[in-house]
Amino acid sequence: MSAEERAVPESWTIEGAERLLRSLAGVVSVRVVAKPGGAVEEIHVLTTEEVSPKSTVRNVESALLARFDLEVDHRKISVAQSRGRQPAPVEDMPQAASVIDATPSLHALPQS
């Protein structure tokens, strides 16, 4: 396969990575924590017992590498399993609330 035939990996975002990882077999919930520069600090995955934790870690590594060309050390991935819980459909997952800028504007400050 030539370089032109290979797909260019997407730029990754936390939301995109979490959406991808929630699509993996057995995954109920995911939280990706990144440093300000964008390096992945930790990935927390809640799964059913459908897939072993070791396989889940490999699946996470492979999915991120294949989709985003993002290498993550397996030691940064933690997996917790929950009995009897089925993965929630992505559309049923609560969305993050919007961040409201509570910084007072300069024109709103009292004059001295």
C-alpha atoms as a PDB file:
ATOM      1  CA  MET A   1       0.000   0.000   0.000  1.00  0.00           C
ATOM      2  CA  SER A   2       1.434   3.378  -0.981  1.00  0.00           C
ATOM      3  CA  ALA A   3       1.509   6.395   1.311  1.00  0.00           C
ATOM      4  CA  GLU A   4      -1.241   7.996  -0.821  1.00  0.00           C
ATOM      5  CA  GLU A   5      -3.526   4.972  -0.319  1.00  0.00           C
ATOM      6  CA  ARG A   6      -3.233   4.992   3.457  1.00  0.00           C
ATOM      7  CA  ALA A   7      -5.816   7.018   5.304  1.00  0.00           C
ATOM      8  CA  VAL A   8      -4.522  10.041   7.138  1.00  0.00           C
ATOM      9  CA  PRO A   9      -5.359   9.628  10.853  1.00  0.00           C
ATOM     10  CA  GLU A  10      -7.847  12.051  12.339  1.00  0.00           C
ATOM     11  CA  SER A  11      -6.672  14.616  14.866  1.00  0.00           C
ATOM     12  CA  TRP A  12      -7.794  13.319  18.197  1.00  0.00           C
ATOM     13  CA  THR A  13      -9.936  15.043  20.787  1.00  0.00           C
ATOM     14  CA  ILE A  14     -10.962  13.769  24.184  1.00  0.00           C
ATOM     15  CA  GLU A  15     -14.595  13.603  23.026  1.00  0.00           C
ATOM     16  CA  GLY A  16     -13.632  11.724  19.842  1.00  0.00           C
ATOM     17  CA  ALA A  17     -11.450   9.248  21.737  1.00  0.00           C
ATOM     18  CA  GLU A  18     -14.184   8.624  24.334  1.00  0.00           C
ATOM     19  CA  ARG A  19     -16.797   8.128  21.590  1.00  0.00           C
ATOM     20  CA  LEU A  20     -14.500   5.621  19.837  1.00  0.00           C
ATOM     21  CA  LEU A  21     -13.737   3.716  23.043  1.00  0.00           C
ATOM     22  CA  ARG A  22     -17.432   3.548  24.053  1.00  0.00           C
ATOM     23  CA  SER A  23     -18.035   1.708  20.766  1.00  0.00           C
ATOM     24  CA  LEU A  24     -15.748  -1.178  21.805  1.00  0.00           C
ATOM     25  CA  ALA A  25     -17.255  -4.487  22.915  1.00  0.00           C
ATOM     26  CA  GLY A  26     -18.217  -4.561  26.591  1.00  0.00           C
ATOM     27  CA  VAL A  27     -17.485  -0.892  27.305  1.00  0.00           C
ATOM     28  CA  VAL A  28     -20.065   0.865  29.490  1.00  0.00           C
ATOM     29  CA  SER A  29     -18.284   4.148  30.185  1.00  0.00           C
ATOM     30  CA  VAL A  30     -14.938   5.842  29.470  1.00  0.00           C
ATOM     31  CA  ARG A  31     -13.039   8.837  30.811  1.00  0.00           C
ATOM     32  CA  VAL A  32      -9.890  10.094  29.054  1.00  0.00           C
ATOM     33  CA  VAL A  33      -7.673  12.492  31.009  1.00  0.00           C
ATOM     34  CA  ALA A  34      -5.090  14.494  29.066  1.00  0.00           C
ATOM     35  CA  LYS A  35      -2.424  17.008  30.032  1.00  0.00           C
ATOM     36  CA  PRO A  36      -2.777  20.583  28.732  1.00  0.00           C
ATOM     37  CA  GLY A  37      -0.356  19.803  25.865  1.00  0.00           C
ATOM     38  CA  GLY A  38      -2.576  16.937  24.714  1.00  0.00           C
ATOM     39  CA  ALA A  39      -0.615  13.946  26.042  1.00  0.00           C
ATOM     40  CA  VAL A  40      -2.852  11.222  27.471  1.00  0.00           C
ATOM     41  CA  GLU A  41      -2.349  11.019  31.219  1.00  0.00           C
ATOM     42  CA  GLU A  42      -4.863   8.261  32.022  1.00  0.00           C
ATOM     43  CA  ILE A  43      -7.800   6.366  30.562  1.00  0.00           C
ATOM     44  CA  HIS A  44     -10.473   4.864  32.806  1.00  0.00           C
ATOM     45  CA  VAL A  45     -12.788   2.239  31.334  1.00  0.00           C
ATOM     46  CA  LEU A  46     -15.850   0.633  32.933  1.00  0.00           C
ATOM     47  CA  THR A  47     -16.812  -2.619  31.216  1.00  0.00           C
ATOM     48  CA  THR A  48     -19.111  -5.588  31.496  1.00  0.00           C
ATOM     49  CA  GLU A  49     -17.629  -9.051  32.012  1.00  0.00           C
ATOM     50  CA  GLU A  50     -18.050  -9.704  28.271  1.00  0.00           C
ATOM     51  CA  VAL A  51     -14.380  -8.924  27.521  1.00  0.00           C
ATOM     52  CA  SER A  52     -11.424  -9.547  29.852  1.00  0.00           C
ATOM     53  CA  PRO A  53      -9.589  -6.510  31.250  1.00  0.00           C
ATOM     54  CA  LYS A  54      -6.402  -7.534  29.410  1.00  0.00           C
ATOM     55  CA  SER A  55      -8.281  -7.722  26.098  1.00  0.00           C
ATOM     56  CA  THR A  56      -9.988  -4.399  26.829  1.00  0.00           C
ATOM     57  CA  VAL A  57      -6.604  -2.725  27.339  1.00  0.00           C
ATOM     58  CA  ARG A  58      -5.364  -4.150  24.030  1.00  0.00           C
ATOM     59  CA  ASN A  59      -8.574  -3.050  22.306  1.00  0.00           C
ATOM     60  CA  VAL A  60      -8.163   0.486  23.681  1.00  0.00           C
ATOM     61  CA  GLU A  61      -4.524   0.660  22.530  1.00  0.00           C
ATOM     62  CA  SER A  62      -5.366  -0.706  19.075  1.00  0.00           C
ATOM     63  CA  ALA A  63      -8.424   1.487  18.505  1.00  0.00           C
ATOM     64  CA  LEU A  64      -6.583   4.695  19.424  1.00  0.00           C
ATOM     65  CA  LEU A  65      -3.599   3.753  17.280  1.00  0.00           C
ATOM     66  CA  ALA A  66      -5.722   2.744  14.280  1.00  0.00           C
ATOM     67  CA  ARG A  67      -8.091   5.730  14.334  1.00  0.00           C
ATOM     68  CA  PHE A  68      -5.903   8.548  15.634  1.00  0.00           C
ATOM     69  CA  ASP A  69      -2.325   7.214  15.305  1.00  0.00           C
ATOM     70  CA  LEU A  70      -2.193   7.773  19.074  1.00  0.00           C
ATOM     71  CA  GLU A  71       0.096   5.494  21.067  1.00  0.00           C
ATOM     72  CA  VAL A  72      -0.891   5.033  24.719  1.00  0.00           C
ATOM     73  CA  ASP A  73       1.167   3.011  27.189  1.00  0.00           C
ATOM     74  CA  HIS A  74      -0.941   0.161  28.579  1.00  0.00           C
ATOM     75  CA  ARG A  75      -0.027   1.267  32.124  1.00  0.00           C
ATOM     76  CA  LYS A  76      -2.104   4.434  31.630  1.00  0.00           C
ATOM     77  CA  ILE A  77      -5.272   2.396  31.006  1.00  0.00           C
ATOM     78  CA  SER A  78      -7.314   1.183  33.980  1.00  0.00           C
ATOM     79  CA  VAL A  79     -10.272  -1.156  33.627  1.00  0.00           C
ATOM     80  CA  ALA A  80     -13.058  -1.798  36.124  1.00  0.00           C
ATOM     81  CA  GLN A  81     -15.686  -4.438  35.492  1.00  0.00           C
ATOM     82  CA  SER A  82     -19.329  -4.311  36.500  1.00  0.00           C
ATOM     83  CA  ARG A  83     -21.523  -7.417  36.763  1.00  0.00           C
ATOM     84  CA  GLY A  84     -24.812  -7.533  34.928  1.00  0.00           C
ATOM     85  CA  ARG A  85     -24.593  -4.054  33.419  1.00  0.00           C
ATOM     86  CA  GLN A  86     -25.159  -3.663  29.707  1.00  0.00           C
ATOM     87  CA  PRO A  87     -23.470  -0.852  27.795  1.00  0.00           C
ATOM     88  CA  ALA A  88     -25.672   2.217  27.473  1.00  0.00           C
ATOM     89  CA  PRO A  89     -26.305   3.361  23.918  1.00  0.00           C
ATOM     90  CA  VAL A  90     -24.154   6.399  23.127  1.00  0.00           C
ATOM     91  CA  GLU A  91     -27.223   8.537  22.414  1.00  0.00           C
ATOM     92  CA  ASP A  92     -28.458   7.819  25.977  1.00  0.00           C
ATOM     93  CA  MET A  93     -25.211   8.980  27.567  1.00  0.00           C
ATOM     94  CA  PRO A  94     -25.488  12.334  29.375  1.00  0.00           C
ATOM     95  CA  GLN A  95     -23.685  15.152  27.617  1.00  0.00           C
ATOM     96  CA  ALA A  96     -21.237  17.426  29.401  1.00  0.00           C
ATOM     97  CA  ALA A  97     -22.769  20.693  30.492  1.00  0.00           C
ATOM     98  CA  SER A  98     -21.640  23.840  28.740  1.00  0.00           C
ATOM     99  CA  VAL A  99     -18.999  25.847  30.520  1.00  0.00           C
ATOM    100  CA  ILE A 100     -20.173  29.324  31.434  1.00  0.00           C
ATOM    101  CA  ASP A 101     -17.612  32.108  31.672  1.00  0.00           C
ATOM    102  CA  ALA A 102     -18.177  33.564  35.120  1.00  0.00           C
ATOM    103  CA  THR A 103     -15.304  36.037  34.817  1.00  0.00           C
ATOM    104  CA  PRO A 104     -16.629  39.548  35.398  1.00  0.00           C
ATOM    105  CA  SER A 105     -16.108  41.865  32.467  1.00  0.00           C
ATOM    106  CA  LEU A 106     -13.992  44.975  33.025  1.00  0.00           C
ATOM    107  CA  HIS A 107     -16.908  47.325  32.369  1.00  0.00           C
ATOM    108  CA  ALA A 108     -18.900  45.622  35.155  1.00  0.00           C
ATOM    109  CA  LEU A 109     -16.287  46.352  37.840  1.00  0.00           C
ATOM    110  CA  PRO A 110     -17.060  49.201  40.271  1.00  0.00           C
ATOM    111  CA  GLN A 111     -15.234  52.437  39.516  1.00  0.00           C
ATOM    112  CA  SER A 112     -12.759  53.571  42.167  1.00  0.00           C
END
